[in-house]
Amino acid sequence: MELTIDSHVQCLVENTLRRVGRAAAVVMDPNTGEILAMASVPDFTPSYFVPSIDPDAWKNYNTNQANPLANKAINNFTPGSTFKLPTAIAAAIHGHAYDTEYCPGYITYGDIKIHCWKRLGHGQLNLEESIQRSCNCYFMRVANEIGSTKMLDTFQLLGLGSKTGLELPSESAGFIPGSRYWRQELRPGAKVTPSITGMMSIGQSDSAASPLQLAALVSAIANNGRYYKPRIIKRVVHPHQGTLLHNRPVLKTNLLKQGVKEKDLERIRQGMWLAANELGGTARSASVKDRDVCAKTGTAQTVDKGIKSHDAWTVAFAPHEQPKYVVVVAVKRGSSGGAVAGPLVHLIMRGLFAKDEGLELPLTEMKEYAGDFIVREKIELPDEGDLLAIAYDESGETGNEISDVPIARAYTVPESPRFVEPSIRQGADAEGSIAPKAIVIEE
């Protein structure tokens, strides 16, 4: 079996993620749906399970509260402002792509007030500017003009709330307000109110998605509307019979046939370019000099192990013209998407561009990384000349905009259950086995 994974890119991504305690990243080819790298930290050693795992090793994995056995790349995170991208697509489908809205710094729903991250407000904004500055008020207003039913239809069209069908077990489906799961399991008997629709548009409260789902969605924006099924198997080859299966790209939907115009998709891409490259952009930490990276940040208020926390995101593609890579990074307990996830995207993008220029990325044996529960306030980048001398004039979402909203019940997003219990060595079989040192991480 031949995988789509590029081992050198995989090594790059795994090393990059070790700057944080718990996180996931996906690198995808937006033109085929092929996954070039997919990493999750903390991690484990697969060979310890073949043919059976030492009982001490199994105990150590299970007592690590950071859950190294969960593949966080296909697990739920709270999406935060990354959900402004599917909201922008909903606006394009339903005739609101040219709306302008005024942001006074907050929006009210009856007695409920939800703030924009910029408390003084952004003023009058169009779609591109709202993506650039990640304005909450713009997207909450537009979402309610679109309507909850059409918002739900668009999000589901983009694969949110459903498994992607990747050839791996224990993939999470995520959830969104108004879906069958939301109505029957998460909030039985609840109605999708205007305030819930508003928070759905900014990825807060009852919303969850995986890094893989966001990578597929961003790929559709990057490649002019074509949503490809994510794939990790390239082909299956028999030693004597040759290729038995050639896994070709599977086009699941074309947004241009769903009512989106090419010029509207370009406006969304332009908003992401502005976010990464212009003053006022919240994703400038993800930019790479002379490379036209397009990006969007997200910082979601959530609960992590019973403690109020943030999920920090940056989703990106590059180059702006003829995109070749989509990179998504999500970090548990990151202070913000721009300060934590963005620099990690930057490092991955730099490695990808260096590879394109002929540099052979290192390929080294990786040791286990146990992870931690430390809050990352900022990721410092290695020097790259003038790029990193630029001071961020706008830091972007804080994730605290809904902290005083009664209906915004922070939801603890569960990690996927393990799909199978391993074979555990017994008696003499365990003698002389290699097991990791005892790792117990507690808060």
Protein backbone atom coordinates (compact mmCIF):
# COMPACT_ATOMS: atom_id res chain seq x y z
CA MET A 1 0.00 0.00 0.00
CA GLU A 2 1.41 3.37 -1.02
CA LEU A 3 0.35 6.37 1.04
CA THR A 4 0.01 9.96 -0.06
CA ILE A 5 2.18 10.97 2.92
CA ASP A 6 5.50 12.61 2.08
CA SER A 7 7.86 11.36 4.80
CA HIS A 8 10.03 14.48 4.69
CA VAL A 9 7.04 16.80 5.01
CA GLN A 10 5.68 14.58 7.78
CA CYS A 11 8.95 14.94 9.69
CA LEU A 12 8.84 18.72 9.20
CA VAL A 13 5.30 18.93 10.58
CA GLU A 14 5.92 16.63 13.54
CA ASN A 15 8.99 18.60 14.58
CA THR A 16 7.13 21.90 14.22
CA LEU A 17 4.25 20.77 16.45
CA ARG A 18 6.64 19.93 19.28
CA ARG A 19 6.84 23.63 20.08
CA VAL A 20 3.45 23.22 21.77
CA GLY A 21 1.93 20.70 24.16
CA ARG A 22 -1.15 19.33 22.37
CA ALA A 23 -1.96 20.09 18.78
CA ALA A 24 -2.62 18.76 15.30
CA ALA A 25 -1.69 19.75 11.78
CA VAL A 26 -2.65 18.73 8.25
CA VAL A 27 -0.88 19.49 4.98
CA MET A 28 -3.01 18.82 1.90
CA ASP A 29 -2.73 19.17 -1.85
CA PRO A 30 -5.83 21.29 -2.62
CA ASN A 31 -5.93 20.07 -6.20
CA THR A 32 -6.30 16.36 -5.43
CA GLY A 33 -7.33 15.97 -1.78
CA GLU A 34 -4.10 14.07 -1.08
CA ILE A 35 -2.78 14.42 2.47
CA LEU A 36 0.96 15.11 2.38
CA ALA A 37 1.34 15.15 6.16
CA MET A 38 -0.90 14.67 9.17
CA ALA A 39 0.49 14.93 12.68
CA SER A 40 -0.82 14.93 16.24
CA VAL A 41 0.98 15.62 19.50
CA PRO A 42 1.51 14.04 21.91
CA ASP A 43 2.22 10.86 20.00
CA PHE A 44 3.11 7.20 20.49
CA THR A 45 5.30 4.52 18.93
CA PRO A 46 3.23 2.30 16.61
CA SER A 47 5.82 -0.48 16.59
CA TYR A 48 5.21 -1.09 20.30
CA PHE A 49 1.86 -2.63 19.32
CA VAL A 50 3.39 -5.21 16.94
CA PRO A 51 2.63 -8.00 17.53
CA SER A 52 1.52 -7.06 21.07
CA ILE A 53 2.27 -4.26 23.49
CA ASP A 54 4.06 -4.51 26.79
CA PRO A 55 1.58 -4.01 29.66
CA ASP A 56 3.71 -1.26 31.21
CA ALA A 57 3.79 0.61 27.91
CA TRP A 58 0.02 0.28 27.59
CA LYS A 59 -0.43 1.57 31.13
CA ASN A 60 1.84 4.53 30.46
CA TYR A 61 -0.11 5.56 27.38
CA ASN A 62 -3.38 5.32 29.26
CA THR A 63 -2.20 7.32 32.27
CA ASN A 64 -0.95 10.18 30.11
CA GLN A 65 -3.77 12.71 30.51
CA ALA A 66 -2.74 14.37 27.24
CA ASN A 67 -4.10 11.27 25.45
CA PRO A 68 -1.34 10.38 22.98
CA LEU A 69 -3.45 7.61 21.44
CA ALA A 70 -6.02 10.07 20.05
CA ASN A 71 -5.33 11.34 16.54
CA LYS A 72 -6.14 15.01 17.08
CA ALA A 73 -5.96 15.74 13.35
CA ILE A 74 -9.26 13.90 12.88
CA ASN A 75 -10.63 14.91 16.29
CA ASN A 76 -12.93 17.72 17.30
CA PHE A 77 -11.70 21.20 18.24
CA THR A 78 -13.84 24.28 18.80
CA PRO A 79 -13.32 26.11 15.47
CA GLY A 80 -13.58 29.77 16.46
CA SER A 81 -13.20 32.29 13.64
CA THR A 82 -12.18 29.67 11.08
CA PHE A 83 -15.99 29.26 10.72
CA LYS A 84 -16.12 32.74 9.21
CA LEU A 85 -14.90 31.10 6.01
CA PRO A 86 -17.93 28.78 5.53
CA THR A 87 -20.10 31.73 6.56
CA ALA A 88 -18.48 33.74 3.74
CA ILE A 89 -19.27 30.91 1.32
CA ALA A 90 -22.88 30.86 2.57
CA ALA A 91 -23.01 34.59 1.88
CA ALA A 92 -21.72 33.98 -1.66
CA ILE A 93 -24.29 31.25 -2.34
CA HIS A 94 -27.25 33.17 -0.98
CA GLY A 95 -26.65 36.66 -2.39
CA HIS A 96 -24.92 38.41 0.52
CA ALA A 97 -21.33 38.52 -0.76
CA TYR A 98 -21.55 42.26 -1.37
CA ASP A 99 -23.14 43.19 1.95
CA THR A 100 -21.43 45.83 4.04
CA GLU A 101 -22.01 45.94 7.77
CA TYR A 102 -21.16 48.35 10.55
CA CYS A 103 -19.24 47.04 13.57
CA PRO A 104 -19.68 49.15 16.74
CA GLY A 105 -17.76 46.59 18.81
CA TYR A 106 -20.73 44.47 19.82
CA ILE A 107 -24.04 43.08 18.66
CA THR A 108 -27.17 42.53 20.73
CA TYR A 109 -29.81 39.81 20.62
CA GLY A 110 -32.52 40.93 23.03
CA ASP A 111 -30.78 41.21 26.40
CA ILE A 112 -27.71 39.38 25.13
CA LYS A 113 -24.63 41.32 24.03
CA ILE A 114 -21.84 39.60 22.10
CA HIS A 115 -18.65 41.56 21.61
CA CYS A 116 -16.31 41.82 18.68
CA TRP A 117 -12.72 41.12 19.68
CA LYS A 118 -12.02 44.79 18.91
CA ARG A 119 -14.16 46.38 21.61
CA LEU A 120 -14.07 49.84 19.97
CA GLY A 121 -15.42 48.36 16.75
CA HIS A 122 -14.15 48.13 13.18
CA GLY A 123 -16.61 50.55 11.61
CA GLN A 124 -18.02 49.86 8.14
CA LEU A 125 -16.61 46.73 6.48
CA ASN A 126 -17.10 44.64 3.37
CA LEU A 127 -16.48 40.89 3.04
CA GLU A 128 -12.76 41.06 2.27
CA GLU A 129 -12.07 43.51 5.07
CA SER A 130 -14.07 41.43 7.54
CA ILE A 131 -11.99 38.33 6.74
CA GLN A 132 -8.81 40.39 6.98
CA ARG A 133 -9.71 41.81 10.39
CA SER A 134 -11.78 38.82 11.57
CA CYS A 135 -14.73 41.01 12.55
CA ASN A 136 -17.30 39.19 14.66
CA CYS A 137 -20.10 41.69 14.16
CA TYR A 138 -19.94 41.51 10.36
CA PHE A 139 -20.31 37.74 10.23
CA MET A 140 -22.94 37.53 12.97
CA ARG A 141 -25.11 40.07 11.14
CA VAL A 142 -24.65 38.43 7.74
CA ALA A 143 -25.36 34.97 9.18
CA ASN A 144 -28.75 36.06 10.43
CA GLU A 145 -29.55 37.76 7.14
CA ILE A 146 -28.77 34.45 5.43
CA GLY A 147 -30.86 32.54 7.98
CA SER A 148 -30.15 29.51 10.15
CA THR A 149 -31.51 26.93 7.69
CA LYS A 150 -29.42 28.17 4.77
CA MET A 151 -26.39 28.48 7.03
CA LEU A 152 -26.82 24.85 8.09
CA ASP A 153 -27.28 23.70 4.49
CA THR A 154 -24.08 25.44 3.39
CA PHE A 155 -22.01 24.16 6.30
CA GLN A 156 -23.17 20.62 5.61
CA LEU A 157 -22.42 21.06 1.91
CA LEU A 158 -18.85 21.84 2.98
CA GLY A 159 -18.57 18.63 4.98
CA LEU A 160 -19.02 20.14 8.44
CA GLY A 161 -20.90 17.92 10.87
CA SER A 162 -19.99 14.79 8.87
CA LYS A 163 -16.98 12.52 8.65
CA THR A 164 -14.80 13.12 5.61
CA GLY A 165 -14.54 9.38 4.94
CA LEU A 166 -10.77 9.28 5.31
CA GLU A 167 -9.35 5.76 5.37
CA LEU A 168 -8.66 5.87 9.12
CA PRO A 169 -10.77 4.72 12.11
CA SER A 170 -12.19 6.92 14.88
CA GLU A 171 -12.70 10.04 12.79
CA SER A 172 -14.90 12.64 14.46
CA ALA A 173 -17.85 14.12 12.59
CA GLY A 174 -17.96 17.42 14.47
CA PHE A 175 -21.27 19.18 15.01
CA ILE A 176 -23.08 22.39 14.14
CA PRO A 177 -26.26 24.04 15.45
CA GLY A 178 -29.44 22.82 13.80
CA SER A 179 -28.06 19.48 12.65
CA ARG A 180 -29.75 16.20 13.55
CA TYR A 181 -27.09 15.45 16.17
CA TRP A 182 -27.50 18.92 17.70
CA ARG A 183 -31.29 18.62 17.89
CA GLN A 184 -31.44 15.02 19.10
CA GLU A 185 -28.30 14.53 21.20
CA LEU A 186 -26.57 17.76 22.16
CA ARG A 187 -29.52 20.10 22.78
CA PRO A 188 -32.74 18.05 22.67
CA GLY A 189 -35.74 20.33 22.17
CA ALA A 190 -33.65 23.46 21.59
CA LYS A 191 -34.30 25.94 18.81
CA VAL A 192 -31.71 27.70 16.68
CA THR A 193 -32.12 31.28 17.83
CA PRO A 194 -30.59 34.35 16.16
CA SER A 195 -27.91 34.46 18.87
CA ILE A 196 -26.99 30.81 18.24
CA THR A 197 -26.84 31.46 14.50
CA GLY A 198 -24.58 34.43 15.18
CA MET A 199 -22.23 32.38 17.32
CA MET A 200 -22.24 29.57 14.75
CA SER A 201 -20.85 32.05 12.23
CA ILE A 202 -17.85 32.73 14.48
CA GLY A 203 -17.36 29.10 15.54
CA GLN A 204 -18.27 29.49 19.20
CA SER A 205 -20.60 27.63 21.56
CA ASP A 206 -22.15 24.52 19.96
CA SER A 207 -19.69 24.06 17.09
CA ALA A 208 -16.91 21.53 16.57
CA ALA A 209 -14.72 20.52 13.64
CA SER A 210 -11.47 18.68 12.98
CA PRO A 211 -8.31 20.06 11.38
CA LEU A 212 -8.90 17.63 8.51
CA GLN A 213 -12.39 19.03 7.86
CA LEU A 214 -11.00 22.57 7.78
CA ALA A 215 -8.19 21.51 5.44
CA ALA A 216 -10.72 20.11 2.96
CA LEU A 217 -12.85 23.26 3.23
CA VAL A 218 -9.90 25.62 2.71
CA SER A 219 -8.82 23.49 -0.25
CA ALA A 220 -12.18 24.19 -1.91
CA ILE A 221 -11.62 27.93 -1.43
CA ALA A 222 -8.07 27.68 -2.76
CA ASN A 223 -8.81 25.65 -5.90
CA ASN A 224 -11.77 27.67 -7.16
CA GLY A 225 -14.59 25.78 -5.53
CA ARG A 226 -13.75 22.09 -5.94
CA TYR A 227 -14.20 20.11 -2.72
CA TYR A 228 -12.20 16.89 -2.93
CA LYS A 229 -12.55 13.98 -0.54
CA PRO A 230 -9.40 13.85 1.62
CA ARG A 231 -7.26 10.82 0.78
CA ILE A 232 -4.34 9.13 2.50
CA ILE A 233 -4.02 6.04 0.25
CA LYS A 234 -2.49 6.61 -3.17
CA ARG A 235 -2.57 3.07 -4.50
CA VAL A 236 -2.49 -0.61 -3.54
CA VAL A 237 0.21 -2.67 -5.22
CA HIS A 238 0.54 -6.47 -5.29
CA PRO A 239 4.14 -7.78 -5.52
CA HIS A 240 3.23 -10.02 -8.48
CA GLN A 241 0.00 -8.63 -9.90
CA GLY A 242 0.98 -4.98 -9.95
CA THR A 243 -1.37 -2.13 -9.07
CA LEU A 244 -4.67 -3.44 -7.73
CA LEU A 245 -6.16 -0.08 -6.81
CA HIS A 246 -5.31 3.42 -7.95
CA ASN A 247 -7.03 5.87 -5.65
CA ARG A 248 -7.88 8.84 -7.85
CA PRO A 249 -9.24 12.24 -6.72
CA VAL A 250 -12.92 12.17 -5.76
CA LEU A 251 -14.79 15.42 -6.37
CA LYS A 252 -17.58 15.63 -3.78
CA THR A 253 -18.97 19.03 -4.75
CA ASN A 254 -18.22 22.00 -6.97
CA LEU A 255 -19.18 25.29 -5.34
CA LEU A 256 -19.45 26.95 -8.74
CA LYS A 257 -22.42 24.63 -9.40
CA GLN A 258 -23.97 25.50 -6.04
CA GLY A 259 -24.44 29.20 -6.73
CA VAL A 260 -20.99 30.58 -5.91
CA LYS A 261 -19.46 32.85 -8.53
CA GLU A 262 -15.75 32.77 -9.35
CA LYS A 263 -15.40 36.45 -8.48
CA ASP A 264 -16.92 35.83 -5.04
CA LEU A 265 -14.47 33.03 -4.28
CA GLU A 266 -11.67 35.34 -5.34
CA ARG A 267 -12.94 37.93 -2.87
CA ILE A 268 -12.74 35.34 -0.08
CA ARG A 269 -9.22 34.42 -1.16
CA GLN A 270 -8.33 38.10 -1.28
CA GLY A 271 -9.61 38.54 2.27
CA MET A 272 -7.32 35.71 3.38
CA TRP A 273 -4.42 37.31 1.50
CA LEU A 274 -5.06 40.61 3.25
CA ALA A 275 -5.22 38.82 6.62
CA ALA A 276 -1.72 37.42 6.09
CA ASN A 277 -0.02 40.27 4.25
CA GLU A 278 -1.50 43.69 5.03
CA LEU A 279 -1.72 45.97 8.05
CA GLY A 280 -4.80 45.11 10.06
CA GLY A 281 -4.57 41.43 9.16
CA THR A 282 -4.86 38.96 12.03
CA ALA A 283 -2.85 36.20 10.30
CA ARG A 284 0.36 38.06 9.51
CA SER A 285 2.39 35.66 11.64
CA ALA A 286 1.66 32.97 9.01
CA SER A 287 3.02 34.99 6.08
CA VAL A 288 6.25 34.08 4.30
CA LYS A 289 8.22 36.75 2.50
CA ASP A 290 7.49 36.91 -1.24
CA ARG A 291 5.28 33.79 -1.12
CA ASP A 292 1.69 35.12 -1.14
CA VAL A 293 0.40 33.01 1.73
CA CYS A 294 -3.36 33.41 2.35
CA ALA A 295 -4.60 32.65 5.85
CA LYS A 296 -7.33 32.93 8.47
CA THR A 297 -6.95 32.75 12.23
CA GLY A 298 -9.31 31.44 14.89
CA THR A 299 -9.32 31.63 18.68
CA ALA A 300 -12.13 29.74 20.37
CA GLN A 301 -13.22 29.90 23.98
CA THR A 302 -13.61 26.38 25.31
CA VAL A 303 -13.19 24.18 28.37
CA ASP A 304 -10.15 21.91 28.56
CA LYS A 305 -9.95 19.37 31.37
CA GLY A 306 -12.40 21.47 33.36
CA ILE A 307 -10.45 24.71 32.90
CA LYS A 308 -11.45 27.66 30.72
CA SER A 309 -9.09 27.66 27.79
CA HIS A 310 -8.67 28.43 24.09
CA ASP A 311 -8.28 26.43 20.92
CA ALA A 312 -5.94 28.40 18.66
CA TRP A 313 -6.13 27.95 14.87
CA THR A 314 -4.58 29.14 11.67
CA VAL A 315 -5.69 27.78 8.29
CA ALA A 316 -3.79 28.75 5.16
CA PHE A 317 -3.03 28.05 1.53
CA ALA A 318 -0.27 29.13 -0.82
CA PRO A 319 0.56 30.52 -3.24
CA HIS A 320 -2.41 32.81 -3.90
CA GLU A 321 -2.22 32.08 -7.62
CA GLN A 322 -2.16 28.35 -8.48
CA PRO A 323 -2.27 27.09 -4.87
CA LYS A 324 -0.13 24.07 -4.14
CA TYR A 325 -0.45 23.61 -0.38
CA VAL A 326 -3.09 23.90 2.32
CA VAL A 327 -1.78 23.95 5.89
CA VAL A 328 -4.01 23.78 8.98
CA VAL A 329 -2.77 23.94 12.58
CA ALA A 330 -4.92 23.72 15.72
CA VAL A 331 -3.45 24.07 19.23
CA LYS A 332 -4.95 23.31 22.62
CA ARG A 333 -4.31 26.02 25.21
CA GLY A 334 -2.89 28.51 22.75
CA SER A 335 -3.42 32.16 23.66
CA SER A 336 -4.61 33.07 20.15
CA GLY A 337 -4.49 31.85 16.58
CA GLY A 338 -2.23 34.68 15.46
CA ALA A 339 0.27 34.36 18.29
CA VAL A 340 0.55 30.57 18.46
CA ALA A 341 -0.87 28.67 15.47
CA GLY A 342 0.15 31.26 12.85
CA PRO A 343 3.90 30.96 13.52
CA LEU A 344 3.65 27.17 13.27
CA VAL A 345 1.95 27.50 9.88
CA HIS A 346 4.71 29.90 8.86
CA LEU A 347 7.41 27.36 9.75
CA ILE A 348 5.67 24.57 7.85
CA MET A 349 5.17 26.80 4.80
CA ARG A 350 8.84 27.82 4.85
CA GLY A 351 9.84 24.17 4.82
CA LEU A 352 7.48 23.38 1.94
CA PHE A 353 8.82 26.27 -0.14
CA ALA A 354 12.41 25.25 0.62
CA LYS A 355 11.58 21.74 -0.56
CA ASP A 356 10.18 23.17 -3.81
CA GLU A 357 13.47 25.00 -4.34
CA GLY A 358 15.44 21.77 -4.16
CA LEU A 359 16.35 21.60 -0.47
CA GLU A 360 16.01 18.08 0.89
CA LEU A 361 14.09 18.31 4.14
CA PRO A 362 15.63 16.31 7.00
CA LEU A 363 14.29 12.86 7.69
CA THR A 364 15.13 11.70 11.19
CA GLU A 365 13.90 9.07 13.60
CA MET A 366 11.36 10.69 15.90
CA LYS A 367 11.26 9.96 19.60
CA GLU A 368 8.01 10.02 21.50
CA TYR A 369 6.71 13.39 22.64
CA ALA A 370 4.62 13.26 25.82
CA GLY A 371 2.97 16.69 25.46
CA ASP A 372 1.93 18.99 28.30
CA PHE A 373 -0.78 21.36 29.56
CA ILE A 374 1.23 24.58 29.47
CA VAL A 375 -0.55 27.63 28.02
CA ARG A 376 1.42 28.93 25.04
CA GLU A 377 1.23 32.72 24.93
CA LYS A 378 3.39 33.14 21.82
CA ILE A 379 5.62 31.11 19.53
CA GLU A 380 8.89 32.84 18.75
CA LEU A 381 10.09 32.42 15.17
CA PRO A 382 13.66 32.16 13.93
CA ASP A 383 14.91 35.32 12.30
CA GLU A 384 13.90 35.92 8.70
CA GLY A 385 14.98 39.46 8.06
CA ASP A 386 12.42 42.21 7.71
CA LEU A 387 9.40 39.91 7.92
CA LEU A 388 9.69 39.26 11.62
CA ALA A 389 10.66 42.84 12.40
CA ILE A 390 7.09 43.85 11.55
CA ALA A 391 5.07 44.55 14.68
CA TYR A 392 1.55 43.18 14.66
CA ASP A 393 -0.78 46.15 14.70
CA GLU A 394 -3.82 43.98 15.33
CA SER A 395 -3.64 40.79 17.36
CA GLY A 396 -7.04 39.45 16.38
CA GLU A 397 -9.53 37.33 18.25
CA THR A 398 -8.95 36.71 21.93
CA GLY A 399 -11.53 33.98 22.28
CA ASN A 400 -13.09 35.84 25.20
CA GLU A 401 -15.78 37.72 23.29
CA ILE A 402 -18.58 35.46 24.52
CA SER A 403 -17.39 35.04 28.11
CA ASP A 404 -20.30 37.03 29.54
CA VAL A 405 -23.00 35.58 27.27
CA PRO A 406 -25.42 33.35 29.23
CA ILE A 407 -26.30 31.11 26.28
CA ALA A 408 -22.69 30.57 25.26
CA ARG A 409 -22.19 27.47 27.33
CA ALA A 410 -18.61 26.45 26.79
CA TYR A 411 -18.67 22.87 25.56
CA THR A 412 -15.97 20.36 26.39
CA VAL A 413 -15.24 18.71 23.05
CA PRO A 414 -14.56 15.01 23.67
CA GLU A 415 -11.73 13.20 21.95
CA SER A 416 -12.53 10.20 19.80
CA PRO A 417 -12.71 6.83 21.55
CA ARG A 418 -10.03 4.32 20.77
CA PHE A 419 -11.24 1.96 18.11
CA VAL A 420 -9.73 -1.31 19.35
CA GLU A 421 -8.08 -2.73 22.42
CA PRO A 422 -4.58 -3.98 21.58
CA SER A 423 -3.08 -7.36 22.27
CA ILE A 424 -1.15 -7.10 25.54
CA ARG A 425 1.83 -9.36 26.14
CA GLN A 426 1.53 -11.95 28.87
CA GLY A 427 4.15 -13.69 30.99
CA ALA A 428 7.37 -14.56 29.20
CA ASP A 429 6.32 -12.69 26.10
CA ALA A 430 6.83 -9.43 27.98
CA GLU A 431 10.41 -10.19 29.03
CA GLY A 432 13.02 -8.13 27.31
CA SER A 433 10.41 -5.91 25.72
CA ILE A 434 11.06 -2.29 24.99
CA ALA A 435 8.63 0.08 26.67
CA PRO A 436 8.59 3.83 27.00
CA LYS A 437 9.49 5.35 30.34
CA ALA A 438 6.59 6.01 32.64
CA ILE A 439 4.86 9.20 31.56
CA VAL A 440 2.14 10.65 33.73
CA ILE A 441 1.07 14.15 32.83
CA GLU A 442 -1.33 15.86 35.15
CA GLU A 443 -2.60 19.40 35.33
